[in-house]
Amino acid sequence: TADKITVYPYLLKEYRNRWFLICEK
């Protein structure tokens, strides 16, 4: 199941047509 997580977002990064959120919990 999915969990709700509070994060501080730092960067959006793309690699091989997938996007990733670089953050800190």
PDB file of all heavy atoms in Angstrom:
ATOM      1  N   THR A   1       0.841  -1.194   0.000  1.00  0.00           N
ATOM      2  CA  THR A   1       0.000   0.000   0.000  1.00  0.00           C
ATOM      3  C   THR A   1       0.877   1.244   0.000  1.00  0.00           C
ATOM      4  O   THR A   1       2.066   1.188   0.328  1.00  0.00           O
ATOM      5  CB  THR A   1      -0.928   0.029   1.241  1.00  0.00           C
ATOM      6  OG1 THR A   1      -0.113   0.001   2.420  1.00  0.00           O
ATOM      7  CG2 THR A   1      -1.868  -1.166   1.235  1.00  0.00           C
ATOM      8  N   ALA A   2       0.263   2.363  -0.344  1.00  0.00           N
ATOM      9  CA  ALA A   2       0.983   3.632  -0.382  1.00  0.00           C
ATOM     10  C   ALA A   2       1.009   4.261   1.010  1.00  0.00           C
ATOM     11  O   ALA A   2       0.070   4.102   1.794  1.00  0.00           O
ATOM     12  CB  ALA A   2       0.326   4.576  -1.375  1.00  0.00           C
ATOM     13  N   ASP A   3       2.087   4.970   1.302  1.00  0.00           N
ATOM     14  CA  ASP A   3       2.225   5.681   2.575  1.00  0.00           C
ATOM     15  C   ASP A   3       2.277   7.183   2.315  1.00  0.00           C
ATOM     16  O   ASP A   3       2.809   7.633   1.294  1.00  0.00           O
ATOM     17  CB  ASP A   3       3.512   5.269   3.291  1.00  0.00           C
ATOM     18  CG  ASP A   3       3.489   3.813   3.731  1.00  0.00           C
ATOM     19  OD1 ASP A   3       2.421   3.358   4.184  1.00  0.00           O
ATOM     20  OD2 ASP A   3       4.537   3.148   3.600  1.00  0.00           O
ATOM     21  N   LYS A   4       1.742   7.954   3.259  1.00  0.00           N
ATOM     22  CA  LYS A   4       1.846   9.405   3.169  1.00  0.00           C
ATOM     23  C   LYS A   4       3.121   9.852   3.875  1.00  0.00           C
ATOM     24  O   LYS A   4       3.358   9.482   5.030  1.00  0.00           O
ATOM     25  CB  LYS A   4       0.619  10.082   3.783  1.00  0.00           C
ATOM     26  CG  LYS A   4      -0.615  10.008   2.896  1.00  0.00           C
ATOM     27  CD  LYS A   4      -1.679  10.990   3.319  1.00  0.00           C
ATOM     28  CE  LYS A   4      -2.813  11.047   2.306  1.00  0.00           C
ATOM     29  NZ  LYS A   4      -3.825  12.065   2.642  1.00  0.00           N
ATOM     30  N   ILE A   5       3.931  10.620   3.161  1.00  0.00           N
ATOM     31  CA  ILE A   5       5.237  11.015   3.661  1.00  0.00           C
ATOM     32  C   ILE A   5       5.409  12.525   3.512  1.00  0.00           C
ATOM     33  O   ILE A   5       5.126  13.084   2.447  1.00  0.00           O
ATOM     34  CB  ILE A   5       6.366  10.306   2.880  1.00  0.00           C
ATOM     35  CG1 ILE A   5       6.123   8.793   2.832  1.00  0.00           C
ATOM     36  CG2 ILE A   5       7.727  10.613   3.487  1.00  0.00           C
ATOM     37  CD1 ILE A   5       7.029   8.063   1.861  1.00  0.00           C
ATOM     38  N   THR A   6       5.864  13.179   4.557  1.00  0.00           N
ATOM     39  CA  THR A   6       6.173  14.609   4.492  1.00  0.00           C
ATOM     40  C   THR A   6       7.621  14.763   4.041  1.00  0.00           C
ATOM     41  O   THR A   6       8.527  14.157   4.623  1.00  0.00           O
ATOM     42  CB  THR A   6       5.980  15.282   5.855  1.00  0.00           C
ATOM     43  OG1 THR A   6       4.622  15.115   6.270  1.00  0.00           O
ATOM     44  CG2 THR A   6       6.301  16.772   5.780  1.00  0.00           C
ATOM     45  N   VAL A   7       7.815  15.562   2.985  1.00  0.00           N
ATOM     46  CA  VAL A   7       9.161  15.695   2.418  1.00  0.00           C
ATOM     47  C   VAL A   7       9.481  17.151   2.108  1.00  0.00           C
ATOM     48  O   VAL A   7       8.597  17.986   1.919  1.00  0.00           O
ATOM     49  CB  VAL A   7       9.310  14.863   1.113  1.00  0.00           C
ATOM     50  CG1 VAL A   7       9.041  13.393   1.370  1.00  0.00           C
ATOM     51  CG2 VAL A   7       8.405  15.395   0.011  1.00  0.00           C
ATOM     52  N   TYR A   8      10.803  17.417   2.034  1.00  0.00           N
ATOM     53  CA  TYR A   8      11.303  18.714   1.579  1.00  0.00           C
ATOM     54  C   TYR A   8      11.860  18.496   0.172  1.00  0.00           C
ATOM     55  O   TYR A   8      12.885  17.827   0.010  1.00  0.00           O
ATOM     56  CB  TYR A   8      12.407  19.224   2.510  1.00  0.00           C
ATOM     57  CG  TYR A   8      12.038  19.193   3.980  1.00  0.00           C
ATOM     58  CD1 TYR A   8      12.770  18.412   4.883  1.00  0.00           C
ATOM     59  CD2 TYR A   8      10.958  19.923   4.463  1.00  0.00           C
ATOM     60  CE1 TYR A   8      12.443  18.378   6.227  1.00  0.00           C
ATOM     61  CE2 TYR A   8      10.622  19.891   5.811  1.00  0.00           C
ATOM     62  CZ  TYR A   8      11.366  19.113   6.680  1.00  0.00           C
ATOM     63  OH  TYR A   8      11.018  19.083   8.010  1.00  0.00           O
ATOM     64  N   PRO A   9      11.217  19.018  -0.855  1.00  0.00           N
ATOM     65  CA  PRO A   9      11.662  18.762  -2.235  1.00  0.00           C
ATOM     66  C   PRO A   9      12.849  19.639  -2.630  1.00  0.00           C
ATOM     67  O   PRO A   9      12.846  20.841  -2.399  1.00  0.00           O
ATOM     68  CB  PRO A   9      10.420  19.117  -3.059  1.00  0.00           C
ATOM     69  CG  PRO A   9       9.727  20.169  -2.253  1.00  0.00           C
ATOM     70  CD  PRO A   9       9.984  19.825  -0.805  1.00  0.00           C
ATOM     71  N   TYR A  10      13.871  19.014  -3.239  1.00  0.00           N
ATOM     72  CA  TYR A  10      15.089  19.738  -3.597  1.00  0.00           C
ATOM     73  C   TYR A  10      15.343  19.811  -5.102  1.00  0.00           C
ATOM     74  O   TYR A  10      15.950  20.757  -5.580  1.00  0.00           O
ATOM     75  CB  TYR A  10      16.308  19.080  -2.932  1.00  0.00           C
ATOM     76  CG  TYR A  10      16.262  19.053  -1.427  1.00  0.00           C
ATOM     77  CD1 TYR A  10      16.717  17.946  -0.717  1.00  0.00           C
ATOM     78  CD2 TYR A  10      15.765  20.141  -0.701  1.00  0.00           C
ATOM     79  CE1 TYR A  10      16.683  17.921   0.669  1.00  0.00           C
ATOM     80  CE2 TYR A  10      15.722  20.119   0.678  1.00  0.00           C
ATOM     81  CZ  TYR A  10      16.181  19.006   1.369  1.00  0.00           C
ATOM     82  OH  TYR A  10      16.140  18.985   2.738  1.00  0.00           O
ATOM     83  N   LEU A  11      14.893  18.789  -5.831  1.00  0.00           N
ATOM     84  CA  LEU A  11      15.241  18.754  -7.251  1.00  0.00           C
ATOM     85  C   LEU A  11      14.365  17.752  -7.985  1.00  0.00           C
ATOM     86  O   LEU A  11      14.016  16.699  -7.444  1.00  0.00           O
ATOM     87  CB  LEU A  11      16.726  18.333  -7.403  1.00  0.00           C
ATOM     88  CG  LEU A  11      17.297  18.253  -8.824  1.00  0.00           C
ATOM     89  CD1 LEU A  11      17.440  19.650  -9.418  1.00  0.00           C
ATOM     90  CD2 LEU A  11      18.653  17.539  -8.810  1.00  0.00           C
ATOM     91  N   LEU A  12      14.006  18.093  -9.226  1.00  0.00           N
ATOM     92  CA  LEU A  12      13.376  17.136 -10.147  1.00  0.00           C
ATOM     93  C   LEU A  12      14.456  16.682 -11.124  1.00  0.00           C
ATOM     94  O   LEU A  12      15.149  17.513 -11.713  1.00  0.00           O
ATOM     95  CB  LEU A  12      12.226  17.800 -10.917  1.00  0.00           C
ATOM     96  CG  LEU A  12      10.840  17.747 -10.300  1.00  0.00           C
ATOM     97  CD1 LEU A  12       9.876  18.576 -11.142  1.00  0.00           C
ATOM     98  CD2 LEU A  12      10.325  16.323 -10.183  1.00  0.00           C
ATOM     99  N   LYS A  13      14.584  15.382 -11.308  1.00  0.00           N
ATOM    100  CA  LYS A  13      15.631  14.870 -12.205  1.00  0.00           C
ATOM    101  C   LYS A  13      15.048  13.812 -13.136  1.00  0.00           C
ATOM    102  O   LYS A  13      14.262  12.965 -12.707  1.00  0.00           O
ATOM    103  CB  LYS A  13      16.785  14.272 -11.398  1.00  0.00           C
ATOM    104  CG  LYS A  13      17.933  13.762 -12.276  1.00  0.00           C
ATOM    105  CD  LYS A  13      19.134  13.364 -11.441  1.00  0.00           C
ATOM    106  CE  LYS A  13      20.242  12.752 -12.291  1.00  0.00           C
ATOM    107  NZ  LYS A  13      20.750  13.695 -13.313  1.00  0.00           N
ATOM    108  N   GLU A  14      15.455  13.879 -14.387  1.00  0.00           N
ATOM    109  CA  GLU A  14      15.029  12.886 -15.371  1.00  0.00           C
ATOM    110  C   GLU A  14      16.195  11.969 -15.706  1.00  0.00           C
ATOM    111  O   GLU A  14      17.332  12.408 -15.861  1.00  0.00           O
ATOM    112  CB  GLU A  14      14.543  13.571 -16.654  1.00  0.00           C
ATOM    113  CG  GLU A  14      14.009  12.583 -17.684  1.00  0.00           C
ATOM    114  CD  GLU A  14      13.725  13.240 -19.027  1.00  0.00           C
ATOM    115  OE1 GLU A  14      14.283  14.330 -19.276  1.00  0.00           O
ATOM    116  OE2 GLU A  14      12.989  12.660 -19.831  1.00  0.00           O
ATOM    117  N   TYR A  15      15.914  10.681 -15.810  1.00  0.00           N
ATOM    118  CA  TYR A  15      16.929   9.715 -16.238  1.00  0.00           C
ATOM    119  C   TYR A  15      16.234   8.622 -17.026  1.00  0.00           C
ATOM    120  O   TYR A  15      15.327   7.950 -16.527  1.00  0.00           O
ATOM    121  CB  TYR A  15      17.663   9.113 -15.037  1.00  0.00           C
ATOM    122  CG  TYR A  15      18.710   8.083 -15.418  1.00  0.00           C
ATOM    123  CD1 TYR A  15      19.860   8.453 -16.108  1.00  0.00           C
ATOM    124  CD2 TYR A  15      18.545   6.736 -15.091  1.00  0.00           C
ATOM    125  CE1 TYR A  15      20.821   7.514 -16.463  1.00  0.00           C
ATOM    126  CE2 TYR A  15      19.494   5.795 -15.441  1.00  0.00           C
ATOM    127  CZ  TYR A  15      20.634   6.195 -16.135  1.00  0.00           C
ATOM    128  OH  TYR A  15      21.575   5.256 -16.494  1.00  0.00           O
ATOM    129  N   ARG A  16      16.632   8.493 -18.282  1.00  0.00           N
ATOM    130  CA  ARG A  16      16.088   7.479 -19.172  1.00  0.00           C
ATOM    131  C   ARG A  16      14.559   7.486 -19.198  1.00  0.00           C
ATOM    132  O   ARG A  16      13.903   6.467 -19.015  1.00  0.00           O
ATOM    133  CB  ARG A  16      16.623   6.093 -18.800  1.00  0.00           C
ATOM    134  CG  ARG A  16      18.114   5.948 -19.080  1.00  0.00           C
ATOM    135  CD  ARG A  16      18.552   4.522 -19.107  1.00  0.00           C
ATOM    136  NE  ARG A  16      19.914   4.406 -19.609  1.00  0.00           N
ATOM    137  CZ  ARG A  16      20.559   3.259 -19.792  1.00  0.00           C
ATOM    138  NH1 ARG A  16      19.948   2.120 -19.508  1.00  0.00           N
ATOM    139  NH2 ARG A  16      21.793   3.243 -20.258  1.00  0.00           N
ATOM    140  N   ASN A  17      14.005   8.669 -19.425  1.00  0.00           N
ATOM    141  CA  ASN A  17      12.569   8.861 -19.602  1.00  0.00           C
ATOM    142  C   ASN A  17      11.744   8.602 -18.340  1.00  0.00           C
ATOM    143  O   ASN A  17      10.533   8.434 -18.417  1.00  0.00           O
ATOM    144  CB  ASN A  17      12.035   7.981 -20.741  1.00  0.00           C
ATOM    145  CG  ASN A  17      12.688   8.299 -22.058  1.00  0.00           C
ATOM    146  OD1 ASN A  17      12.818   9.468 -22.418  1.00  0.00           O
ATOM    147  ND2 ASN A  17      13.136   7.288 -22.775  1.00  0.00           N
ATOM    148  N   ARG A  18      12.410   8.565 -17.191  1.00  0.00           N
ATOM    149  CA  ARG A  18      11.681   8.491 -15.930  1.00  0.00           C
ATOM    150  C   ARG A  18      12.056   9.723 -15.113  1.00  0.00           C
ATOM    151  O   ARG A  18      13.201  10.177 -15.129  1.00  0.00           O
ATOM    152  CB  ARG A  18      12.038   7.231 -15.130  1.00  0.00           C
ATOM    153  CG  ARG A  18      11.528   5.940 -15.724  1.00  0.00           C
ATOM    154  CD  ARG A  18      11.801   4.788 -14.768  1.00  0.00           C
ATOM    155  NE  ARG A  18      10.903   4.793 -13.624  1.00  0.00           N
ATOM    156  CZ  ARG A  18      11.157   4.158 -12.472  1.00  0.00           C
ATOM    157  NH1 ARG A  18      12.306   3.528 -12.308  1.00  0.00           N
ATOM    158  NH2 ARG A  18      10.279   4.188 -11.484  1.00  0.00           N
ATOM    159  N   TRP A  19      11.081  10.272 -14.383  1.00  0.00           N
ATOM    160  CA  TRP A  19      11.307  11.441 -13.552  1.00  0.00           C
ATOM    161  C   TRP A  19      11.413  11.016 -12.092  1.00  0.00           C
ATOM    162  O   TRP A  19      10.711  10.093 -11.642  1.00  0.00           O
ATOM    163  CB  TRP A  19      10.167  12.444 -13.713  1.00  0.00           C
ATOM    164  CG  TRP A  19      10.241  13.224 -14.982  1.00  0.00           C
ATOM    165  CD1 TRP A  19       9.669  12.915 -16.187  1.00  0.00           C
ATOM    166  CD2 TRP A  19      10.923  14.471 -15.179  1.00  0.00           C
ATOM    167  NE1 TRP A  19       9.955  13.879 -17.117  1.00  0.00           N
ATOM    168  CE2 TRP A  19      10.726  14.843 -16.529  1.00  0.00           C
ATOM    169  CE3 TRP A  19      11.683  15.296 -14.356  1.00  0.00           C
ATOM    170  CZ2 TRP A  19      11.254  16.015 -17.057  1.00  0.00           C
ATOM    171  CZ3 TRP A  19      12.205  16.459 -14.880  1.00  0.00           C
ATOM    172  CH2 TRP A  19      11.990  16.812 -16.215  1.00  0.00           C
ATOM    173  N   PHE A  20      12.275  11.716 -11.372  1.00  0.00           N
ATOM    174  CA  PHE A  20      12.507  11.404  -9.966  1.00  0.00           C
ATOM    175  C   PHE A  20      12.480  12.689  -9.143  1.00  0.00           C
ATOM    176  O   PHE A  20      12.958  13.735  -9.598  1.00  0.00           O
ATOM    177  CB  PHE A  20      13.857  10.715  -9.775  1.00  0.00           C
ATOM    178  CG  PHE A  20      13.990   9.414 -10.511  1.00  0.00           C
ATOM    179  CD1 PHE A  20      14.402   9.390 -11.841  1.00  0.00           C
ATOM    180  CD2 PHE A  20      13.690   8.206  -9.881  1.00  0.00           C
ATOM    181  CE1 PHE A  20      14.514   8.197 -12.535  1.00  0.00           C
ATOM    182  CE2 PHE A  20      13.809   7.008 -10.572  1.00  0.00           C
ATOM    183  CZ  PHE A  20      14.220   7.001 -11.902  1.00  0.00           C
ATOM    184  N   LEU A  21      11.919  12.595  -7.963  1.00  0.00           N
ATOM    185  CA  LEU A  21      11.943  13.707  -7.017  1.00  0.00           C
ATOM    186  C   LEU A  21      13.058  13.445  -6.015  1.00  0.00           C
ATOM    187  O   LEU A  21      13.054  12.441  -5.309  1.00  0.00           O
ATOM    188  CB  LEU A  21      10.604  13.832  -6.285  1.00  0.00           C
ATOM    189  CG  LEU A  21      10.560  14.898  -5.175  1.00  0.00           C
ATOM    190  CD1 LEU A  21      10.714  16.296  -5.770  1.00  0.00           C
ATOM    191  CD2 LEU A  21       9.265  14.790  -4.374  1.00  0.00           C
ATOM    192  N   ILE A  22      14.034  14.348  -5.985  1.00  0.00           N
ATOM    193  CA  ILE A  22      15.106  14.266  -5.008  1.00  0.00           C
ATOM    194  C   ILE A  22      14.681  15.127  -3.825  1.00  0.00           C
ATOM    195  O   ILE A  22      14.445  16.332  -3.976  1.00  0.00           O
ATOM    196  CB  ILE A  22      16.444  14.777  -5.584  1.00  0.00           C
ATOM    197  CG1 ILE A  22      16.664  14.218  -7.000  1.00  0.00           C
ATOM    198  CG2 ILE A  22      17.583  14.424  -4.648  1.00  0.00           C
ATOM    199  CD1 ILE A  22      16.686  12.714  -7.099  1.00  0.00           C
ATOM    200  N   CYS A  23      14.571  14.528  -2.661  1.00  0.00           N
ATOM    201  CA  CYS A  23      14.000  15.245  -1.517  1.00  0.00           C
ATOM    202  C   CYS A  23      14.587  14.670  -0.222  1.00  0.00           C
ATOM    203  O   CYS A  23      15.492  13.837  -0.248  1.00  0.00           O
ATOM    204  CB  CYS A  23      12.480  15.105  -1.520  1.00  0.00           C
ATOM    205  SG  CYS A  23      11.897  13.381  -1.425  1.00  0.00           S
ATOM    206  N   GLU A  24      14.049  15.127   0.882  1.00  0.00           N
ATOM    207  CA  GLU A  24      14.433  14.593   2.185  1.00  0.00           C
ATOM    208  C   GLU A  24      13.177  14.406   3.017  1.00  0.00           C
ATOM    209  O   GLU A  24      12.333  15.300   3.101  1.00  0.00           O
ATOM    210  CB  GLU A  24      15.405  15.534   2.900  1.00  0.00           C
ATOM    211  CG  GLU A  24      15.901  14.966   4.235  1.00  0.00           C
ATOM    212  CD  GLU A  24      16.946  15.846   4.900  1.00  0.00           C
ATOM    213  OE1 GLU A  24      17.169  16.971   4.424  1.00  0.00           O
ATOM    214  OE2 GLU A  24      17.532  15.409   5.905  1.00  0.00           O
ATOM    215  N   LYS A  25      13.050  13.245   3.612  1.00  0.00           N
ATOM    216  CA  LYS A  25      11.908  13.000   4.484  1.00  0.00           C
ATOM    217  C   LYS A  25      12.028  13.864   5.738  1.00  0.00           C
ATOM    218  O   LYS A  25      13.110  14.003   6.310  1.00  0.00           O
ATOM    219  CB  LYS A  25      11.860  11.529   4.905  1.00  0.00           C
ATOM    220  CG  LYS A  25      11.580  10.543   3.785  1.00  0.00           C
ATOM    221  CD  LYS A  25      11.544   9.130   4.354  1.00  0.00           C
ATOM    222  CE  LYS A  25      11.343   8.091   3.285  1.00  0.00           C
ATOM    223  NZ  LYS A  25      11.357   6.717   3.846  1.00  0.00           N
TER     224      LYS A  25
END
